[in-house]
């Protein structure tokens, strides 16, 4: 048994198998990947890591598992499996998280796909099997059809419970504070859906509003997102120029070589510095300089309600390009982020009856199911010209 101190939750206890997993180089890699990508460009304190989040998720899993055991929803063995899964839920994170992750998502390769690759293709598989937890069963909890999956991955899961509190603390944005204990006491899971007791209505409202506000104020903050798009563009350009992996097959080669433990934020920084000195591509060199020295692109178009757009994103792009702004200096993004899937959540009344989200509380009715992001950024030297031509 080992105890590690987490500054958010206090001491977190791990058994021998969990220590073996946490000490693995692929889990230690998470010490060197920031949880909130490039948020520190705006919020200097936002340098918390995926490793500390992993510990926090393990801690919350332990407490919630105990509560669900008392309710007869989980067995103790199921809680132990969930603890193992919680340790591995972020093993497939990319350097700078969503910045580089967005590039690989465009290749139809997500952090879940990468995590599956890492567990299936390394000795993590053997550690799990030899420890009494078949690796396929753990993967099923993380990314498959296991009835335990919603505890790790759902609208109200241990992952979100920890990162809202943790990212709020480190960014200094207090919008992520949630009533954790009340929420855990109120939640249960059945047939892939989340059940929340009627007594937990206010804590649930607080949770989903906090999620919405953290996405608006931190994760998709206009300046932070601009730097993430710049980093993503640089990474894409460095594939041909500076020897960085650009496909899942190239990542697999690095995994099989045993060197994937180095693929972290520090690796990306080292590639930036090396490429800056070796590339003959002046445009790429300038972009690297801009990222390192905080000279990010400027947002020139933002229409959060795409259905109300007078002009499509495509037509705005055409206007920008026709005004002699280089395409390489334009960064469009269209994303729809899930905030709450109201079809997968029920509230349980005192008599045991279940009601839908829209039938309880006026606040949850007003929380949008999705947050729509429709923006265009341009490199700073072109921002004035862009604002002149965009309607």
Protein backbone atom coordinates (compact mmCIF):
# COMPACT_ATOMS: atom_id res chain seq x y z
CA UNK A 1 0.00 0.00 0.00
CA UNK A 2 1.24 3.48 -0.87
CA UNK A 3 -0.16 6.94 -0.22
CA UNK A 4 0.43 9.96 -2.49
CA UNK A 5 -0.56 13.46 -1.46
CA UNK A 6 -2.80 15.30 -3.91
CA UNK A 7 -3.25 18.99 -3.21
CA UNK A 8 -6.93 18.88 -4.21
CA UNK A 9 -8.15 15.75 -2.41
CA UNK A 10 -5.44 14.99 0.16
CA UNK A 11 -3.90 11.54 0.48
CA UNK A 12 -4.72 9.02 -2.25
CA UNK A 13 -4.09 5.36 -1.39
CA UNK A 14 -2.95 2.77 -3.94
CA UNK A 15 -2.41 -0.97 -3.65
CA UNK A 16 0.65 -2.75 -5.05
CA UNK A 17 -0.84 -3.38 -8.51
CA UNK A 18 -2.01 0.22 -8.80
CA UNK A 19 1.45 1.44 -7.83
CA UNK A 20 2.95 -0.79 -10.52
CA UNK A 21 0.60 0.74 -13.10
CA UNK A 22 1.20 4.30 -11.92
CA UNK A 23 4.99 3.78 -11.98
CA UNK A 24 4.89 2.56 -15.58
CA UNK A 25 6.68 4.94 -18.01
CA UNK A 26 3.44 5.48 -19.97
CA UNK A 27 1.72 6.75 -16.82
CA UNK A 28 4.76 8.77 -15.76
CA UNK A 29 4.55 10.42 -19.20
CA UNK A 30 1.37 12.10 -17.93
CA UNK A 31 3.45 14.13 -15.46
CA UNK A 32 4.77 15.95 -18.51
CA UNK A 33 1.45 16.66 -20.24
CA UNK A 34 -0.55 19.66 -19.11
CA UNK A 35 -4.19 19.02 -18.39
CA UNK A 36 -5.46 22.20 -20.03
CA UNK A 37 -3.14 22.36 -23.01
CA UNK A 38 -2.11 25.98 -23.65
CA UNK A 39 -4.45 27.59 -21.11
CA UNK A 40 -1.38 28.84 -19.23
CA UNK A 41 -0.95 31.39 -22.04
CA UNK A 42 -3.92 33.19 -20.50
CA UNK A 43 -4.09 31.76 -16.98
CA UNK A 44 -0.45 31.38 -15.81
CA UNK A 45 -1.39 28.99 -13.02
CA UNK A 46 -3.02 26.48 -15.36
CA UNK A 47 -0.05 24.13 -15.43
CA UNK A 48 -1.65 21.16 -13.67
CA UNK A 49 -0.93 17.82 -15.30
CA UNK A 50 -2.75 14.76 -16.56
CA UNK A 51 -0.90 12.81 -13.87
CA UNK A 52 -2.42 14.74 -10.97
CA UNK A 53 -5.83 14.49 -12.65
CA UNK A 54 -5.35 10.72 -12.89
CA UNK A 55 -4.73 10.53 -9.15
CA UNK A 56 -7.78 12.70 -8.49
CA UNK A 57 -9.97 10.54 -10.71
CA UNK A 58 -8.79 7.44 -8.82
CA UNK A 59 -9.67 9.12 -5.53
CA UNK A 60 -13.18 10.08 -6.63
CA UNK A 61 -13.72 6.61 -8.10
CA UNK A 62 -12.90 5.10 -4.71
CA UNK A 63 -15.37 7.31 -2.85
CA UNK A 64 -18.16 7.00 -5.42
CA UNK A 65 -17.57 3.25 -5.64
CA UNK A 66 -18.02 2.96 -1.89
CA UNK A 67 -21.28 4.93 -2.03
CA UNK A 68 -22.61 2.76 -4.86
CA UNK A 69 -21.57 -0.39 -2.97
CA UNK A 70 -23.64 0.74 0.02
CA UNK A 71 -26.61 1.21 -2.31
CA UNK A 72 -26.14 -2.30 -3.69
CA UNK A 73 -25.38 -1.00 -7.18
CA UNK A 74 -21.74 -2.13 -7.28
CA UNK A 75 -19.78 -5.00 -5.78
CA UNK A 76 -16.42 -4.40 -4.15
CA UNK A 77 -14.72 -6.25 -7.02
CA UNK A 78 -16.39 -3.91 -9.54
CA UNK A 79 -15.08 -0.92 -7.62
CA UNK A 80 -11.57 -2.42 -7.80
CA UNK A 81 -11.93 -2.78 -11.58
CA UNK A 82 -13.10 0.81 -11.82
CA UNK A 83 -10.06 1.97 -9.85
CA UNK A 84 -7.76 0.26 -12.36
CA UNK A 85 -9.72 1.77 -15.27
CA UNK A 86 -9.59 5.25 -13.73
CA UNK A 87 -5.78 5.05 -13.59
CA UNK A 88 -5.68 4.32 -17.31
CA UNK A 89 -8.45 6.58 -18.58
CA UNK A 90 -6.00 9.29 -19.78
CA UNK A 91 -3.09 7.07 -20.81
CA UNK A 92 -3.68 7.95 -24.48
CA UNK A 93 -3.49 11.72 -24.14
CA UNK A 94 -1.47 13.55 -26.79
CA UNK A 95 1.24 16.17 -26.12
CA UNK A 96 -0.48 19.40 -25.10
CA UNK A 97 -3.71 17.42 -24.93
CA UNK A 98 -6.31 18.90 -27.27
CA UNK A 99 -3.85 21.00 -29.29
CA UNK A 100 -2.14 18.02 -30.91
CA UNK A 101 -5.13 15.79 -30.25
CA UNK A 102 -7.16 17.91 -32.64
CA UNK A 103 -4.70 17.15 -35.42
CA UNK A 104 -4.97 13.39 -34.91
CA UNK A 105 -8.75 13.62 -34.58
CA UNK A 106 -8.73 14.91 -38.14
CA UNK A 107 -7.06 11.58 -39.01
CA UNK A 108 -9.91 9.72 -37.25
CA UNK A 109 -7.56 8.76 -34.42
CA UNK A 110 -8.68 9.86 -30.97
CA UNK A 111 -7.00 9.74 -27.57
CA UNK A 112 -9.20 6.69 -26.88
CA UNK A 113 -7.77 4.97 -29.96
CA UNK A 114 -4.27 5.85 -28.81
CA UNK A 115 -5.01 4.60 -25.30
CA UNK A 116 -6.29 1.32 -26.72
CA UNK A 117 -3.08 1.02 -28.75
CA UNK A 118 -0.90 1.65 -25.71
CA UNK A 119 -2.65 -0.86 -23.48
CA UNK A 120 -2.88 -3.54 -26.18
CA UNK A 121 0.65 -3.17 -27.58
CA UNK A 122 2.81 -2.76 -24.47
CA UNK A 123 3.50 -4.63 -21.25
CA UNK A 124 0.61 -2.76 -19.63
CA UNK A 125 -1.45 -5.61 -21.04
CA UNK A 126 0.67 -8.15 -19.16
CA UNK A 127 0.61 -6.14 -15.93
CA UNK A 128 -3.18 -6.11 -16.03
CA UNK A 129 -3.52 -9.77 -16.95
CA UNK A 130 -1.02 -10.95 -14.34
CA UNK A 131 -2.69 -8.76 -11.73
CA UNK A 132 -6.02 -10.50 -12.24
CA UNK A 133 -7.67 -7.87 -14.43
CA UNK A 134 -7.90 -9.03 -18.07
CA UNK A 135 -6.85 -6.11 -20.22
CA UNK A 136 -9.81 -6.53 -22.57
CA UNK A 137 -12.19 -6.13 -19.65
CA UNK A 138 -10.49 -2.91 -18.54
CA UNK A 139 -10.62 -1.57 -22.11
CA UNK A 140 -14.31 -2.44 -22.22
CA UNK A 141 -14.91 -0.35 -19.10
CA UNK A 142 -12.99 2.55 -20.62
CA UNK A 143 -14.22 2.56 -24.20
CA UNK A 144 -16.56 -0.36 -24.77
CA UNK A 145 -19.98 -1.64 -23.81
CA UNK A 146 -19.38 -2.47 -20.15
CA UNK A 147 -22.23 -1.46 -17.81
CA UNK A 148 -19.50 0.11 -15.65
CA UNK A 149 -18.41 2.53 -18.37
CA UNK A 150 -20.80 5.40 -17.43
CA UNK A 151 -19.02 5.78 -14.10
CA UNK A 152 -15.80 6.60 -16.00
CA UNK A 153 -17.33 8.13 -19.14
CA UNK A 154 -20.79 9.72 -19.14
CA UNK A 155 -22.51 13.03 -18.56
CA UNK A 156 -21.84 12.71 -14.82
CA UNK A 157 -18.61 10.77 -14.42
CA UNK A 158 -15.56 10.70 -12.16
CA UNK A 159 -13.38 12.21 -14.90
CA UNK A 160 -15.47 15.37 -15.16
CA UNK A 161 -15.96 15.63 -11.41
CA UNK A 162 -12.21 15.89 -10.93
CA UNK A 163 -11.21 18.04 -13.88
CA UNK A 164 -13.84 20.71 -13.24
CA UNK A 165 -12.60 21.19 -9.68
CA UNK A 166 -8.91 20.86 -10.57
CA UNK A 167 -8.93 23.11 -13.64
CA UNK A 168 -10.95 25.70 -11.75
CA UNK A 169 -8.41 25.74 -8.94
CA UNK A 170 -5.33 26.01 -11.13
CA UNK A 171 -6.70 28.45 -13.68
CA UNK A 172 -8.13 30.62 -10.92
CA UNK A 173 -11.50 30.64 -12.68
CA UNK A 174 -13.92 29.78 -9.89
CA UNK A 175 -16.74 28.81 -12.25
CA UNK A 176 -15.83 25.11 -12.01
CA UNK A 177 -16.55 24.70 -8.32
CA UNK A 178 -19.09 21.94 -7.75
CA UNK A 179 -20.72 20.33 -4.72
CA UNK A 180 -18.79 17.09 -5.14
CA UNK A 181 -19.97 15.16 -2.10
CA UNK A 182 -23.64 15.95 -2.64
CA UNK A 183 -23.36 15.03 -6.30
CA UNK A 184 -21.74 11.67 -5.52
CA UNK A 185 -24.39 10.94 -2.89
CA UNK A 186 -27.12 11.67 -5.44
CA UNK A 187 -25.95 9.84 -8.55
CA UNK A 188 -26.39 6.24 -9.70
CA UNK A 189 -26.11 4.41 -13.00
CA UNK A 190 -28.46 2.01 -14.75
CA UNK A 191 -28.50 0.60 -18.29
CA UNK A 192 -26.02 3.13 -19.58
CA UNK A 193 -27.94 6.09 -18.18
CA UNK A 194 -27.38 8.41 -15.24
CA UNK A 195 -29.95 8.57 -12.46
CA UNK A 196 -29.88 11.51 -10.06
CA UNK A 197 -32.03 11.62 -6.96
CA UNK A 198 -34.45 14.51 -6.76
CA UNK A 199 -32.62 15.71 -3.66
CA UNK A 200 -29.53 16.21 -5.81
CA UNK A 201 -31.20 18.58 -8.25
CA UNK A 202 -29.29 21.68 -7.15
CA UNK A 203 -25.91 19.94 -7.17
CA UNK A 204 -26.69 18.59 -10.66
CA UNK A 205 -27.66 22.06 -11.87
CA UNK A 206 -24.43 23.40 -10.39
CA UNK A 207 -22.43 20.63 -12.13
CA UNK A 208 -23.78 21.23 -15.64
CA UNK A 209 -23.69 25.01 -15.38
CA UNK A 210 -20.09 24.76 -14.15
CA UNK A 211 -19.27 22.55 -17.15
CA UNK A 212 -20.81 25.06 -19.57
CA UNK A 213 -19.02 28.01 -17.99
CA UNK A 214 -15.63 26.28 -17.86
CA UNK A 215 -15.88 25.47 -21.56
CA UNK A 216 -16.71 29.09 -22.28
CA UNK A 217 -14.18 30.67 -19.93
CA UNK A 218 -11.25 28.22 -20.12
CA UNK A 219 -11.35 25.32 -22.56
CA UNK A 220 -12.66 27.39 -25.49
CA UNK A 221 -11.53 30.82 -24.31
CA UNK A 222 -10.96 32.85 -27.47
CA UNK A 223 -7.26 33.49 -26.88
CA UNK A 224 -6.44 29.99 -25.62
CA UNK A 225 -8.15 28.40 -28.61
CA UNK A 226 -6.17 30.64 -30.95
CA UNK A 227 -2.90 29.32 -29.52
CA UNK A 228 -4.14 25.73 -29.77
CA UNK A 229 -4.99 26.22 -33.45
CA UNK A 230 -1.57 27.76 -34.03
CA UNK A 231 0.15 24.82 -32.31
CA UNK A 232 -1.93 22.39 -34.36
CA UNK A 233 -0.97 24.13 -37.61
CA UNK A 234 2.69 24.14 -36.63
CA UNK A 235 2.57 20.44 -35.84
CA UNK A 236 0.97 19.71 -39.21
CA UNK A 237 3.65 21.73 -41.02
CA UNK A 238 6.48 20.10 -39.06
CA UNK A 239 5.57 16.62 -40.30
CA UNK A 240 7.33 17.19 -43.61
CA UNK A 241 9.90 19.63 -42.31
CA UNK A 242 11.06 18.37 -38.94
CA UNK A 243 10.41 14.65 -38.47
CA UNK A 244 7.34 14.42 -36.26
CA UNK A 245 4.83 11.54 -36.44
CA UNK A 246 1.84 12.41 -38.58
CA UNK A 247 -0.21 9.21 -38.71
CA UNK A 248 -1.42 6.43 -36.40
CA UNK A 249 0.92 3.99 -38.14
CA UNK A 250 3.92 6.20 -37.35
CA UNK A 251 2.80 6.39 -33.72
CA UNK A 252 2.55 2.60 -33.63
CA UNK A 253 6.16 2.36 -34.82
CA UNK A 254 7.25 4.58 -31.92
CA UNK A 255 5.17 2.50 -29.49
CA UNK A 256 6.78 -0.70 -30.77
CA UNK A 257 10.25 0.85 -30.47
CA UNK A 258 9.61 1.45 -26.75
CA UNK A 259 10.17 5.21 -27.03
CA UNK A 260 6.63 6.52 -26.82
CA UNK A 261 7.17 7.47 -23.15
CA UNK A 262 9.03 10.54 -24.45
CA UNK A 263 6.08 11.78 -26.52
CA UNK A 264 4.99 14.58 -24.18
CA UNK A 265 4.85 18.37 -23.90
CA UNK A 266 8.61 18.58 -23.45
CA UNK A 267 9.14 16.54 -26.61
CA UNK A 268 6.96 19.01 -28.53
CA UNK A 269 8.94 21.95 -27.15
CA UNK A 270 12.21 20.29 -28.15
CA UNK A 271 10.88 19.76 -31.67
CA UNK A 272 9.83 23.41 -31.84
CA UNK A 273 13.32 24.59 -30.87
CA UNK A 274 15.05 22.14 -33.19
CA UNK A 275 12.81 22.94 -36.12
CA UNK A 276 13.23 26.67 -35.58
CA UNK A 277 17.00 26.35 -36.07
CA UNK A 278 16.97 23.84 -38.93
CA UNK A 279 14.00 24.69 -41.15
CA UNK A 280 14.40 26.73 -44.30
CA UNK A 281 10.66 27.43 -44.28
CA UNK A 282 10.43 31.05 -43.14
CA UNK A 283 6.65 30.91 -42.64
CA UNK A 284 6.92 27.92 -40.32
CA UNK A 285 9.84 29.53 -38.51
CA UNK A 286 7.77 32.66 -37.88
CA UNK A 287 4.85 30.62 -36.57
CA UNK A 288 7.13 28.80 -34.13
CA UNK A 289 8.54 32.13 -32.95
CA UNK A 290 4.99 33.46 -32.52
CA UNK A 291 3.92 30.47 -30.40
CA UNK A 292 6.99 30.49 -28.17
CA UNK A 293 6.84 34.26 -27.63
CA UNK A 294 3.06 34.54 -27.19
CA UNK A 295 2.22 36.30 -30.42
CA UNK A 296 -0.88 34.31 -31.21
CA UNK A 297 -3.46 34.68 -33.97
CA UNK A 298 -6.37 37.07 -33.49
CA UNK A 299 -10.01 36.07 -33.58
CA UNK A 300 -11.77 38.00 -36.35
CA UNK A 301 -15.03 36.07 -36.65
CA UNK A 302 -17.19 34.47 -33.98
CA UNK A 303 -20.72 33.28 -34.57
CA UNK A 304 -21.82 30.95 -31.77
CA UNK A 305 -25.18 30.19 -33.35
CA UNK A 306 -24.36 28.68 -36.71
CA UNK A 307 -28.01 28.44 -37.76
CA UNK A 308 -28.28 32.21 -37.50
CA UNK A 309 -25.19 32.90 -39.58
CA UNK A 310 -25.75 35.48 -42.27
CA UNK A 311 -22.67 34.09 -44.00
CA UNK A 312 -21.33 30.56 -43.82
CA UNK A 313 -17.85 29.95 -42.48
CA UNK A 314 -16.84 28.91 -45.99
CA UNK A 315 -17.99 32.20 -47.51
CA UNK A 316 -16.10 34.17 -44.86
CA UNK A 317 -12.97 32.18 -45.67
CA UNK A 318 -13.38 33.03 -49.34
CA UNK A 319 -13.64 36.73 -48.49
CA UNK A 320 -10.46 36.57 -46.43
CA UNK A 321 -8.50 34.75 -49.11
CA UNK A 322 -9.73 37.12 -51.81
CA UNK A 323 -8.33 40.00 -49.76
CA UNK A 324 -4.84 38.51 -50.15
CA UNK A 325 -4.59 37.00 -46.69
CA UNK A 326 -2.56 33.77 -47.10
CA UNK A 327 -4.52 30.61 -46.41
CA UNK A 328 -1.69 29.47 -44.15
CA UNK A 329 -2.42 32.46 -41.90
CA UNK A 330 -6.13 31.68 -41.51
CA UNK A 331 -7.37 29.31 -38.79
CA UNK A 332 -11.04 28.33 -39.00
CA UNK A 333 -12.74 26.06 -36.48
CA UNK A 334 -16.21 24.56 -36.29
CA UNK A 335 -17.00 22.39 -33.28
CA UNK A 336 -20.07 21.32 -31.34
CA UNK A 337 -19.23 20.32 -27.78
CA UNK A 338 -21.62 18.21 -25.76
CA UNK A 339 -22.57 19.86 -22.48
CA UNK A 340 -25.44 17.62 -21.44
CA UNK A 341 -27.25 14.76 -23.16
CA UNK A 342 -30.67 15.14 -21.61
CA UNK A 343 -31.87 11.85 -23.13
CA UNK A 344 -29.42 9.90 -20.95
CA UNK A 345 -30.24 11.47 -17.59
CA UNK A 346 -33.22 10.86 -15.33
CA UNK A 347 -34.20 12.34 -12.02
CA UNK A 348 -35.54 9.89 -9.45
CA UNK A 349 -38.43 11.06 -7.30
CA UNK A 350 -38.95 10.05 -3.68
CA UNK A 351 -41.54 7.46 -4.75
CA UNK A 352 -39.06 5.85 -7.14
CA UNK A 353 -40.58 7.29 -10.31
CA UNK A 354 -38.27 8.76 -12.92
CA UNK A 355 -38.70 12.06 -14.76
CA UNK A 356 -36.80 13.65 -17.62
CA UNK A 357 -34.42 16.59 -17.22
CA UNK A 358 -36.82 19.07 -18.79
CA UNK A 359 -39.51 18.16 -16.27
CA UNK A 360 -37.52 19.26 -13.22
CA UNK A 361 -35.99 22.62 -12.34
CA UNK A 362 -35.94 25.63 -14.63
CA UNK A 363 -32.13 26.01 -14.66
CA UNK A 364 -31.37 22.69 -16.35
CA UNK A 365 -33.97 23.45 -19.00
CA UNK A 366 -31.93 26.49 -19.99
CA UNK A 367 -28.57 24.69 -20.19
CA UNK A 368 -27.85 24.07 -23.89
CA UNK A 369 -27.24 20.49 -24.92
CA UNK A 370 -24.27 21.60 -27.02
CA UNK A 371 -21.91 24.54 -27.22
CA UNK A 372 -21.38 25.66 -30.80
CA UNK A 373 -18.01 27.11 -31.77
CA UNK A 374 -17.75 28.79 -35.20
CA UNK A 375 -14.69 31.01 -35.33
CA UNK A 376 -11.95 32.25 -37.60
CA UNK A 377 -8.54 33.46 -36.48
CA UNK A 378 -5.80 35.07 -38.55
CA UNK A 379 -2.15 35.78 -37.84
CA UNK A 380 -1.82 39.13 -36.11
CA UNK A 381 -0.34 41.10 -39.05
CA UNK A 382 -3.51 40.40 -41.05
CA UNK A 383 -6.09 41.07 -38.34
CA UNK A 384 -6.89 44.67 -39.33
CA UNK A 385 -7.40 43.72 -42.97
CA UNK A 386 -9.56 40.75 -41.97
CA UNK A 387 -11.84 42.90 -39.83
CA UNK A 388 -12.34 45.27 -42.73
CA UNK A 389 -13.61 42.57 -45.08
CA UNK A 390 -15.65 40.43 -42.68
CA UNK A 391 -19.26 41.64 -42.52
